[in-house]
């Protein structure tokens, strides 16, 4: 899973939250049987125009990756909201020239 965070995010805190969410999901009775290796922070994958791209990696049983990834996204969004970690969106600043 590739995920973006703002450049002003405290990266160590982001990593901690992502890993906590992955561990929590792997221990959840509803999900633990589908997860082989808990999702966790792997690396900073890219510096995009308006975001830092991080890669999260885990292992699931065959054909379970889609359901696990969807639940992981939901849990990360909730955890980021609680921890004031912002997921950026494209923004454009426009300056209007004064007419003569």
PDB file of N, CA and C in Angstrom:
ATOM      1  N   UNK A   1       0.848  -1.175   0.000  1.00  0.00           N
ATOM      2  CA  UNK A   1       0.000   0.000   0.000  1.00  0.00           C
ATOM      3  C   UNK A   1       0.884   1.225   0.000  1.00  0.00           C
ATOM      4  N   UNK A   2       0.678   2.132  -0.949  1.00  0.00           N
ATOM      5  CA  UNK A   2       1.345   3.416  -0.951  1.00  0.00           C
ATOM      6  C   UNK A   2       0.409   4.423  -0.306  1.00  0.00           C
ATOM      7  N   UNK A   3       0.981   5.250   0.560  1.00  0.00           N
ATOM      8  CA  UNK A   3       0.189   6.215   1.305  1.00  0.00           C
ATOM      9  C   UNK A   3       0.946   7.530   1.324  1.00  0.00           C
ATOM     10  N   UNK A   4       0.234   8.646   1.237  1.00  0.00           N
ATOM     11  CA  UNK A   4       0.901   9.940   1.260  1.00  0.00           C
ATOM     12  C   UNK A   4       0.595  10.671   2.560  1.00  0.00           C
ATOM     13  N   UNK A   5       1.606  11.420   3.025  1.00  0.00           N
ATOM     14  CA  UNK A   5       1.447  12.301   4.187  1.00  0.00           C
ATOM     15  C   UNK A   5       2.070  13.640   3.828  1.00  0.00           C
ATOM     16  N   UNK A   6       1.670  14.674   4.534  1.00  0.00           N
ATOM     17  CA  UNK A   6       2.192  16.008   4.242  1.00  0.00           C
ATOM     18  C   UNK A   6       3.666  16.109   4.625  1.00  0.00           C
ATOM     19  N   UNK A   7       4.336  17.060   4.001  1.00  0.00           N
ATOM     20  CA  UNK A   7       5.755  17.264   4.273  1.00  0.00           C
ATOM     21  C   UNK A   7       6.010  17.716   5.703  1.00  0.00           C
ATOM     22  N   UNK A   8       5.038  18.339   6.331  1.00  0.00           N
ATOM     23  CA  UNK A   8       5.261  18.773   7.708  1.00  0.00           C
ATOM     24  C   UNK A   8       4.895  17.710   8.747  1.00  0.00           C
ATOM     25  N   UNK A   9       4.566  16.511   8.291  1.00  0.00           N
ATOM     26  CA  UNK A   9       4.288  15.407   9.219  1.00  0.00           C
ATOM     27  C   UNK A   9       5.574  14.977   9.917  1.00  0.00           C
ATOM     28  N   UNK A  10       5.458  14.629  11.186  1.00  0.00           N
ATOM     29  CA  UNK A  10       6.594  14.075  11.913  1.00  0.00           C
ATOM     30  C   UNK A  10       6.706  12.604  11.513  1.00  0.00           C
ATOM     31  N   UNK A  11       7.670  12.290  10.683  1.00  0.00           N
ATOM     32  CA  UNK A  11       7.761  10.976  10.046  1.00  0.00           C
ATOM     33  C   UNK A  11       7.854   9.825  11.053  1.00  0.00           C
ATOM     34  N   UNK A  12       8.621   9.984  12.123  1.00  0.00           N
ATOM     35  CA  UNK A  12       8.726   8.916  13.124  1.00  0.00           C
ATOM     36  C   UNK A  12       7.379   8.628  13.767  1.00  0.00           C
ATOM     37  N   UNK A  13       6.575   9.670  13.975  1.00  0.00           N
ATOM     38  CA  UNK A  13       5.235   9.485  14.534  1.00  0.00           C
ATOM     39  C   UNK A  13       4.331   8.751  13.539  1.00  0.00           C
ATOM     40  N   UNK A  14       4.421   9.129  12.274  1.00  0.00           N
ATOM     41  CA  UNK A  14       3.648   8.454  11.218  1.00  0.00           C
ATOM     42  C   UNK A  14       3.991   6.964  11.200  1.00  0.00           C
ATOM     43  N   UNK A  15       5.280   6.652  11.232  1.00  0.00           N
ATOM     44  CA  UNK A  15       5.732   5.257  11.205  1.00  0.00           C
ATOM     45  C   UNK A  15       5.166   4.499  12.402  1.00  0.00           C
ATOM     46  N   UNK A  16       5.222   5.107  13.567  1.00  0.00           N
ATOM     47  CA  UNK A  16       4.706   4.475  14.784  1.00  0.00           C
ATOM     48  C   UNK A  16       3.210   4.189  14.679  1.00  0.00           C
ATOM     49  N   UNK A  17       2.450   5.159  14.199  1.00  0.00           N
ATOM     50  CA  UNK A  17       0.999   4.979  14.063  1.00  0.00           C
ATOM     51  C   UNK A  17       0.678   3.886  13.052  1.00  0.00           C
ATOM     52  N   UNK A  18       1.355   3.909  11.909  1.00  0.00           N
ATOM     53  CA  UNK A  18       1.122   2.883  10.879  1.00  0.00           C
ATOM     54  C   UNK A  18       1.412   1.494  11.443  1.00  0.00           C
ATOM     55  N   UNK A  19       2.525   1.342  12.144  1.00  0.00           N
ATOM     56  CA  UNK A  19       2.890   0.031  12.699  1.00  0.00           C
ATOM     57  C   UNK A  19       1.920  -0.422  13.783  1.00  0.00           C
ATOM     58  N   UNK A  20       1.449   0.510  14.611  1.00  0.00           N
ATOM     59  CA  UNK A  20       0.448   0.170  15.631  1.00  0.00           C
ATOM     60  C   UNK A  20      -0.845  -0.319  14.991  1.00  0.00           C
ATOM     61  N   UNK A  21      -1.277   0.357  13.931  1.00  0.00           N
ATOM     62  CA  UNK A  21      -2.504  -0.045  13.232  1.00  0.00           C
ATOM     63  C   UNK A  21      -2.331  -1.443  12.649  1.00  0.00           C
ATOM     64  N   UNK A  22      -1.196  -1.697  12.006  1.00  0.00           N
ATOM     65  CA  UNK A  22      -0.939  -3.016  11.427  1.00  0.00           C
ATOM     66  C   UNK A  22      -0.914  -4.119  12.478  1.00  0.00           C
ATOM     67  N   UNK A  23      -0.244  -3.862  13.598  1.00  0.00           N
ATOM     68  CA  UNK A  23      -0.192  -4.858  14.677  1.00  0.00           C
ATOM     69  C   UNK A  23      -1.580  -5.103  15.263  1.00  0.00           C
ATOM     70  N   UNK A  24      -2.327  -4.023  15.453  1.00  0.00           N
ATOM     71  CA  UNK A  24      -3.683  -4.164  15.995  1.00  0.00           C
ATOM     72  C   UNK A  24      -4.583  -4.974  15.084  1.00  0.00           C
ATOM     73  N   UNK A  25      -4.455  -4.745  13.809  1.00  0.00           N
ATOM     74  CA  UNK A  25      -5.270  -5.494  12.855  1.00  0.00           C
ATOM     75  C   UNK A  25      -4.891  -6.971  12.852  1.00  0.00           C
ATOM     76  N   UNK A  26      -3.594  -7.258  12.951  1.00  0.00           N
ATOM     77  CA  UNK A  26      -3.124  -8.649  12.943  1.00  0.00           C
ATOM     78  C   UNK A  26      -3.567  -9.400  14.187  1.00  0.00           C
ATOM     79  N   UNK A  27      -3.881  -8.676  15.258  1.00  0.00           N
ATOM     80  CA  UNK A  27      -4.346  -9.310  16.503  1.00  0.00           C
ATOM     81  C   UNK A  27      -5.869  -9.362  16.598  1.00  0.00           C
ATOM     82  N   UNK A  28      -6.546  -8.657  15.714  1.00  0.00           N
ATOM     83  CA  UNK A  28      -8.008  -8.605  15.729  1.00  0.00           C
ATOM     84  C   UNK A  28      -8.572  -9.966  15.330  1.00  0.00           C
ATOM     85  N   UNK A  29      -9.462 -10.541  16.154  1.00  0.00           N
ATOM     86  CA  UNK A  29     -10.028 -11.856  15.838  1.00  0.00           C
ATOM     87  C   UNK A  29     -10.720 -11.935  14.472  1.00  0.00           C
ATOM     88  N   UNK A  30     -11.236 -10.806  13.987  1.00  0.00           N
ATOM     89  CA  UNK A  30     -11.915 -10.802  12.687  1.00  0.00           C
ATOM     90  C   UNK A  30     -10.943 -10.834  11.513  1.00  0.00           C
ATOM     91  N   UNK A  31      -9.659 -10.468  11.748  1.00  0.00           N
ATOM     92  CA  UNK A  31      -8.699 -10.335  10.653  1.00  0.00           C
ATOM     93  C   UNK A  31      -7.466 -11.207  10.793  1.00  0.00           C
ATOM     94  N   UNK A  32      -7.164 -11.668  11.998  1.00  0.00           N
ATOM     95  CA  UNK A  32      -5.882 -12.350  12.226  1.00  0.00           C
ATOM     96  C   UNK A  32      -5.695 -13.605  11.379  1.00  0.00           C
ATOM     97  N   UNK A  33      -6.764 -14.303  11.039  1.00  0.00           N
ATOM     98  CA  UNK A  33      -6.636 -15.520  10.237  1.00  0.00           C
ATOM     99  C   UNK A  33      -6.334 -15.231   8.762  1.00  0.00           C
ATOM    100  N   UNK A  34      -6.535 -13.985   8.339  1.00  0.00           N
ATOM    101  CA  UNK A  34      -6.256 -13.612   6.956  1.00  0.00           C
ATOM    102  C   UNK A  34      -4.860 -13.005   6.781  1.00  0.00           C
ATOM    103  N   UNK A  35      -4.231 -12.656   7.901  1.00  0.00           N
ATOM    104  CA  UNK A  35      -2.944 -11.963   7.854  1.00  0.00           C
ATOM    105  C   UNK A  35      -1.814 -12.900   8.253  1.00  0.00           C
ATOM    106  N   UNK A  36      -0.820 -13.023   7.378  1.00  0.00           N
ATOM    107  CA  UNK A  36       0.361 -13.841   7.657  1.00  0.00           C
ATOM    108  C   UNK A  36       1.422 -12.995   8.358  1.00  0.00           C
ATOM    109  N   UNK A  37       1.693 -11.800   7.806  1.00  0.00           N
ATOM    110  CA  UNK A  37       2.666 -10.867   8.389  1.00  0.00           C
ATOM    111  C   UNK A  37       1.972  -9.511   8.518  1.00  0.00           C
ATOM    112  N   UNK A  38       1.967  -8.923   9.717  1.00  0.00           N
ATOM    113  CA  UNK A  38       1.250  -7.659   9.913  1.00  0.00           C
ATOM    114  C   UNK A  38       1.743  -6.554   8.988  1.00  0.00           C
ATOM    115  N   UNK A  39       0.830  -5.735   8.492  1.00  0.00           N
ATOM    116  CA  UNK A  39       1.233  -4.583   7.689  1.00  0.00           C
ATOM    117  C   UNK A  39       2.112  -3.658   8.530  1.00  0.00           C
ATOM    118  N   UNK A  40       3.189  -3.153   7.913  1.00  0.00           N
ATOM    119  CA  UNK A  40       4.083  -2.238   8.626  1.00  0.00           C
ATOM    120  C   UNK A  40       4.774  -1.307   7.645  1.00  0.00           C
ATOM    121  N   UNK A  41       5.297  -0.217   8.187  1.00  0.00           N
ATOM    122  CA  UNK A  41       6.061   0.737   7.387  1.00  0.00           C
ATOM    123  C   UNK A  41       7.254   0.017   6.774  1.00  0.00           C
ATOM    124  N   UNK A  42       7.469   0.207   5.479  1.00  0.00           N
ATOM    125  CA  UNK A  42       8.613  -0.394   4.801  1.00  0.00           C
ATOM    126  C   UNK A  42       9.679   0.655   4.489  1.00  0.00           C
ATOM    127  N   UNK A  43       9.242   1.779   3.870  1.00  0.00           N
ATOM    128  CA  UNK A  43      10.210   2.803   3.479  1.00  0.00           C
ATOM    129  C   UNK A  43       9.490   4.077   3.033  1.00  0.00           C
ATOM    130  N   UNK A  44      10.277   5.143   2.940  1.00  0.00           N
ATOM    131  CA  UNK A  44       9.822   6.333   2.227  1.00  0.00           C
ATOM    132  C   UNK A  44      10.042   6.016   0.763  1.00  0.00           C
ATOM    133  N   UNK A  45       8.970   6.017  -0.001  1.00  0.00           N
ATOM    134  CA  UNK A  45       9.045   5.565  -1.384  1.00  0.00           C
ATOM    135  C   UNK A  45       9.300   6.695  -2.378  1.00  0.00           C
ATOM    136  N   UNK A  46       8.856   7.916  -2.023  1.00  0.00           N
ATOM    137  CA  UNK A  46       9.021   9.007  -2.977  1.00  0.00           C
ATOM    138  C   UNK A  46       8.757  10.340  -2.288  1.00  0.00           C
ATOM    139  N   UNK A  47       9.313  11.379  -2.875  1.00  0.00           N
ATOM    140  CA  UNK A  47       8.993  12.747  -2.510  1.00  0.00           C
ATOM    141  C   UNK A  47       8.191  13.324  -3.664  1.00  0.00           C
ATOM    142  N   UNK A  48       6.883  13.364  -3.505  1.00  0.00           N
ATOM    143  CA  UNK A  48       6.006  13.843  -4.574  1.00  0.00           C
ATOM    144  C   UNK A  48       5.869  15.368  -4.485  1.00  0.00           C
ATOM    145  N   UNK A  49       5.118  15.945  -5.419  1.00  0.00           N
ATOM    146  CA  UNK A  49       4.948  17.396  -5.459  1.00  0.00           C
ATOM    147  C   UNK A  49       4.408  17.964  -4.157  1.00  0.00           C
ATOM    148  N   UNK A  50       3.415  17.314  -3.589  1.00  0.00           N
ATOM    149  CA  UNK A  50       2.792  17.872  -2.382  1.00  0.00           C
ATOM    150  C   UNK A  50       2.718  16.862  -1.243  1.00  0.00           C
ATOM    151  N   UNK A  51       3.536  15.803  -1.295  1.00  0.00           N
ATOM    152  CA  UNK A  51       3.433  14.779  -0.263  1.00  0.00           C
ATOM    153  C   UNK A  51       4.668  13.889  -0.211  1.00  0.00           C
ATOM    154  N   UNK A  52       4.846  13.269   0.941  1.00  0.00           N
ATOM    155  CA  UNK A  52       5.819  12.200   1.102  1.00  0.00           C
ATOM    156  C   UNK A  52       5.051  10.898   0.895  1.00  0.00           C
ATOM    157  N   UNK A  53       5.553  10.035   0.035  1.00  0.00           N
ATOM    158  CA  UNK A  53       4.902   8.764  -0.238  1.00  0.00           C
ATOM    159  C   UNK A  53       5.607   7.687   0.587  1.00  0.00           C
ATOM    160  N   UNK A  54       4.828   6.996   1.425  1.00  0.00           N
ATOM    161  CA  UNK A  54       5.395   5.891   2.197  1.00  0.00           C
ATOM    162  C   UNK A  54       4.806   4.579   1.707  1.00  0.00           C
ATOM    163  N   UNK A  55       5.588   3.530   1.818  1.00  0.00           N
ATOM    164  CA  UNK A  55       5.140   2.202   1.408  1.00  0.00           C
ATOM    165  C   UNK A  55       4.917   1.370   2.652  1.00  0.00           C
ATOM    166  N   UNK A  56       3.769   0.708   2.699  1.00  0.00           N
ATOM    167  CA  UNK A  56       3.388  -0.188   3.792  1.00  0.00           C
ATOM    168  C   UNK A  56       3.287  -1.580   3.200  1.00  0.00           C
ATOM    169  N   UNK A  57       3.866  -2.551   3.885  1.00  0.00           N
ATOM    170  CA  UNK A  57       3.886  -3.911   3.356  1.00  0.00           C
ATOM    171  C   UNK A  57       3.498  -4.903   4.436  1.00  0.00           C
ATOM    172  N   UNK A  58       2.745  -5.903   4.055  1.00  0.00           N
ATOM    173  CA  UNK A  58       2.373  -7.022   4.916  1.00  0.00           C
ATOM    174  C   UNK A  58       2.104  -8.215   4.024  1.00  0.00           C
ATOM    175  N   UNK A  59       1.777  -9.331   4.640  1.00  0.00           N
ATOM    176  CA  UNK A  59       1.440 -10.527   3.862  1.00  0.00           C
ATOM    177  C   UNK A  59       0.092 -11.067   4.316  1.00  0.00           C
ATOM    178  N   UNK A  60      -0.698 -11.497   3.328  1.00  0.00           N
ATOM    179  CA  UNK A  60      -2.005 -12.081   3.608  1.00  0.00           C
ATOM    180  C   UNK A  60      -2.098 -13.472   3.009  1.00  0.00           C
ATOM    181  N   UNK A  61      -3.108 -14.161   3.398  1.00  0.00           N
ATOM    182  CA  UNK A  61      -3.402 -15.422   2.734  1.00  0.00           C
ATOM    183  C   UNK A  61      -3.829 -15.108   1.301  1.00  0.00           C
ATOM    184  N   UNK A  62      -3.701 -16.077   0.392  1.00  0.00           N
ATOM    185  CA  UNK A  62      -4.053 -15.834  -1.013  1.00  0.00           C
ATOM    186  C   UNK A  62      -5.461 -15.268  -1.174  1.00  0.00           C
ATOM    187  N   UNK A  63      -5.553 -14.263  -2.026  1.00  0.00           N
ATOM    188  CA  UNK A  63      -6.803 -13.598  -2.417  1.00  0.00           C
ATOM    189  C   UNK A  63      -7.458 -12.793  -1.297  1.00  0.00           C
ATOM    190  N   UNK A  64      -6.771 -12.611  -0.180  1.00  0.00           N
ATOM    191  CA  UNK A  64      -7.321 -11.831   0.924  1.00  0.00           C
ATOM    192  C   UNK A  64      -6.761 -10.405   0.952  1.00  0.00           C
ATOM    193  N   UNK A  65      -5.789 -10.119   0.073  1.00  0.00           N
ATOM    194  CA  UNK A  65      -5.114  -8.828   0.118  1.00  0.00           C
ATOM    195  C   UNK A  65      -6.061  -7.659  -0.096  1.00  0.00           C
ATOM    196  N   UNK A  66      -7.091  -7.833  -0.907  1.00  0.00           N
ATOM    197  CA  UNK A  66      -7.993  -6.716  -1.206  1.00  0.00           C
ATOM    198  C   UNK A  66      -8.819  -6.352   0.020  1.00  0.00           C
ATOM    199  N   UNK A  67      -9.373  -7.352   0.685  1.00  0.00           N
ATOM    200  CA  UNK A  67     -10.166  -7.083   1.889  1.00  0.00           C
ATOM    201  C   UNK A  67      -9.298  -6.515   3.005  1.00  0.00           C
ATOM    202  N   UNK A  68      -8.118  -7.098   3.194  1.00  0.00           N
ATOM    203  CA  UNK A  68      -7.218  -6.631   4.251  1.00  0.00           C
ATOM    204  C   UNK A  68      -6.768  -5.197   3.965  1.00  0.00           C
ATOM    205  N   UNK A  69      -6.425  -4.905   2.732  1.00  0.00           N
ATOM    206  CA  UNK A  69      -5.972  -3.560   2.386  1.00  0.00           C
ATOM    207  C   UNK A  69      -7.083  -2.530   2.579  1.00  0.00           C
ATOM    208  N   UNK A  70      -8.294  -2.881   2.217  1.00  0.00           N
ATOM    209  CA  UNK A  70      -9.421  -1.965   2.422  1.00  0.00           C
ATOM    210  C   UNK A  70      -9.642  -1.660   3.894  1.00  0.00           C
ATOM    211  N   UNK A  71      -9.596  -2.678   4.729  1.00  0.00           N
ATOM    212  CA  UNK A  71      -9.746  -2.480   6.175  1.00  0.00           C
ATOM    213  C   UNK A  71      -8.568  -1.688   6.728  1.00  0.00           C
ATOM    214  N   UNK A  72      -7.368  -1.971   6.233  1.00  0.00           N
ATOM    215  CA  UNK A  72      -6.184  -1.240   6.678  1.00  0.00           C
ATOM    216  C   UNK A  72      -6.313   0.246   6.351  1.00  0.00           C
ATOM    217  N   UNK A  73      -6.758   0.574   5.153  1.00  0.00           N
ATOM    218  CA  UNK A  73      -6.954   1.976   4.777  1.00  0.00           C
ATOM    219  C   UNK A  73      -7.924   2.660   5.736  1.00  0.00           C
ATOM    220  N   UNK A  74      -9.024   1.993   6.042  1.00  0.00           N
ATOM    221  CA  UNK A  74     -10.018   2.561   6.955  1.00  0.00           C
ATOM    222  C   UNK A  74      -9.412   2.817   8.323  1.00  0.00           C
ATOM    223  N   UNK A  75      -8.685   1.854   8.846  1.00  0.00           N
ATOM    224  CA  UNK A  75      -8.089   1.993  10.175  1.00  0.00           C
ATOM    225  C   UNK A  75      -6.996   3.060  10.206  1.00  0.00           C
ATOM    226  N   UNK A  76      -6.226   3.147   9.138  1.00  0.00           N
ATOM    227  CA  UNK A  76      -5.192   4.183   9.084  1.00  0.00           C
ATOM    228  C   UNK A  76      -5.832   5.565   9.052  1.00  0.00           C
ATOM    229  N   UNK A  77      -6.886   5.738   8.275  1.00  0.00           N
ATOM    230  CA  UNK A  77      -7.574   7.033   8.215  1.00  0.00           C
ATOM    231  C   UNK A  77      -8.084   7.429   9.595  1.00  0.00           C
ATOM    232  N   UNK A  78      -8.696   6.502  10.302  1.00  0.00           N
ATOM    233  CA  UNK A  78      -9.205   6.784  11.651  1.00  0.00           C
ATOM    234  C   UNK A  78      -8.044   7.136  12.589  1.00  0.00           C
ATOM    235  N   UNK A  79      -6.961   6.368  12.527  1.00  0.00           N
ATOM    236  CA  UNK A  79      -5.802   6.613  13.390  1.00  0.00           C
ATOM    237  C   UNK A  79      -5.134   7.950  13.044  1.00  0.00           C
ATOM    238  N   UNK A  80      -5.030   8.269  11.754  1.00  0.00           N
ATOM    239  CA  UNK A  80      -4.438   9.543  11.364  1.00  0.00           C
ATOM    240  C   UNK A  80      -5.292  10.705  11.864  1.00  0.00           C
ATOM    241  N   UNK A  81      -6.608  10.586  11.763  1.00  0.00           N
ATOM    242  CA  UNK A  81      -7.488  11.642  12.274  1.00  0.00           C
ATOM    243  C   UNK A  81      -7.267  11.853  13.768  1.00  0.00           C
ATOM    244  N   UNK A  82      -7.165  10.773  14.522  1.00  0.00           N
ATOM    245  CA  UNK A  82      -6.966  10.867  15.976  1.00  0.00           C
ATOM    246  C   UNK A  82      -5.601  11.451  16.331  1.00  0.00           C
ATOM    247  N   UNK A  83      -4.619  11.260  15.463  1.00  0.00           N
ATOM    248  CA  UNK A  83      -3.254  11.708  15.735  1.00  0.00           C
ATOM    249  C   UNK A  83      -2.864  12.967  14.967  1.00  0.00           C
ATOM    250  N   UNK A  84      -3.848  13.611  14.357  1.00  0.00           N
ATOM    251  CA  UNK A  84      -3.620  14.851  13.607  1.00  0.00           C
ATOM    252  C   UNK A  84      -2.547  14.697  12.525  1.00  0.00           C
ATOM    253  N   UNK A  85      -2.571  13.564  11.842  1.00  0.00           N
ATOM    254  CA  UNK A  85      -1.690  13.333  10.708  1.00  0.00           C
ATOM    255  C   UNK A  85      -2.514  13.581   9.450  1.00  0.00           C
ATOM    256  N   UNK A  86      -2.031  14.483   8.624  1.00  0.00           N
ATOM    257  CA  UNK A  86      -2.807  14.892   7.467  1.00  0.00           C
ATOM    258  C   UNK A  86      -2.422  14.116   6.214  1.00  0.00           C
ATOM    259  N   UNK A  87      -3.452  13.633   5.515  1.00  0.00           N
ATOM    260  CA  UNK A  87      -3.277  13.037   4.196  1.00  0.00           C
ATOM    261  C   UNK A  87      -3.505  14.177   3.208  1.00  0.00           C
ATOM    262  N   UNK A  88      -2.484  14.545   2.432  1.00  0.00           N
ATOM    263  CA  UNK A  88      -2.607  15.731   1.586  1.00  0.00           C
ATOM    264  C   UNK A  88      -3.500  15.512   0.370  1.00  0.00           C
ATOM    265  N   UNK A  89      -3.920  16.610  -0.172  1.00  0.00           N
ATOM    266  CA  UNK A  89      -4.653  16.595  -1.428  1.00  0.00           C
ATOM    267  C   UNK A  89      -4.036  17.660  -2.314  1.00  0.00           C
ATOM    268  N   UNK A  90      -4.121  17.491  -3.621  1.00  0.00           N
ATOM    269  CA  UNK A  90      -3.502  18.477  -4.520  1.00  0.00           C
ATOM    270  C   UNK A  90      -4.094  19.873  -4.300  1.00  0.00           C
ATOM    271  N   UNK A  91      -3.214  20.847  -4.249  1.00  0.00           N
ATOM    272  CA  UNK A  91      -3.650  22.227  -4.086  1.00  0.00           C
ATOM    273  C   UNK A  91      -2.931  23.084  -5.117  1.00  0.00           C
ATOM    274  N   UNK A  92      -3.595  24.119  -5.531  1.00  0.00           N
ATOM    275  CA  UNK A  92      -3.005  25.027  -6.515  1.00  0.00           C
ATOM    276  C   UNK A  92      -3.259  26.458  -6.068  1.00  0.00           C
ATOM    277  N   UNK A  93      -2.235  27.252  -6.042  1.00  0.00           N
ATOM    278  CA  UNK A  93      -2.349  28.651  -5.683  1.00  0.00           C
ATOM    279  C   UNK A  93      -2.383  29.458  -6.968  1.00  0.00           C
ATOM    280  N   UNK A  94      -3.403  30.285  -7.128  1.00  0.00           N
ATOM    281  CA  UNK A  94      -3.563  31.067  -8.339  1.00  0.00           C
ATOM    282  C   UNK A  94      -3.480  32.549  -7.990  1.00  0.00           C
ATOM    283  N   UNK A  95      -2.647  33.278  -8.711  1.00  0.00           N
ATOM    284  CA  UNK A  95      -2.518  34.731  -8.542  1.00  0.00           C
ATOM    285  C   UNK A  95      -3.173  35.393  -9.750  1.00  0.00           C
ATOM    286  N   UNK A  96      -4.003  36.356  -9.468  1.00  0.00           N
ATOM    287  CA  UNK A  96      -4.672  37.081 -10.544  1.00  0.00           C
ATOM    288  C   UNK A  96      -3.965  38.417 -10.760  1.00  0.00           C
ATOM    289  N   UNK A  97      -3.574  38.657 -11.980  1.00  0.00           N
ATOM    290  CA  UNK A  97      -2.922  39.933 -12.306  1.00  0.00           C
ATOM    291  C   UNK A  97      -3.960  41.043 -12.356  1.00  0.00           C
ATOM    292  N   UNK A  98      -3.549  42.196 -11.894  1.00  0.00           N
ATOM    293  CA  UNK A  98      -4.452  43.358 -11.944  1.00  0.00           C
ATOM    294  C   UNK A  98      -4.552  43.838 -13.394  1.00  0.00           C
ATOM    295  N   UNK A  99      -5.756  44.208 -13.796  1.00  0.00           N
ATOM    296  CA  UNK A  99      -5.924  44.717 -15.168  1.00  0.00           C
ATOM    297  C   UNK A  99      -5.483  46.163 -15.239  1.00  0.00           C
ATOM    298  N   UNK A 100      -4.976  46.549 -16.381  1.00  0.00           N
ATOM    299  CA  UNK A 100      -4.446  47.916 -16.555  1.00  0.00           C
ATOM    300  C   UNK A 100      -5.512  48.930 -16.782  1.00  0.00           C
TER     301      UNK A 100
END
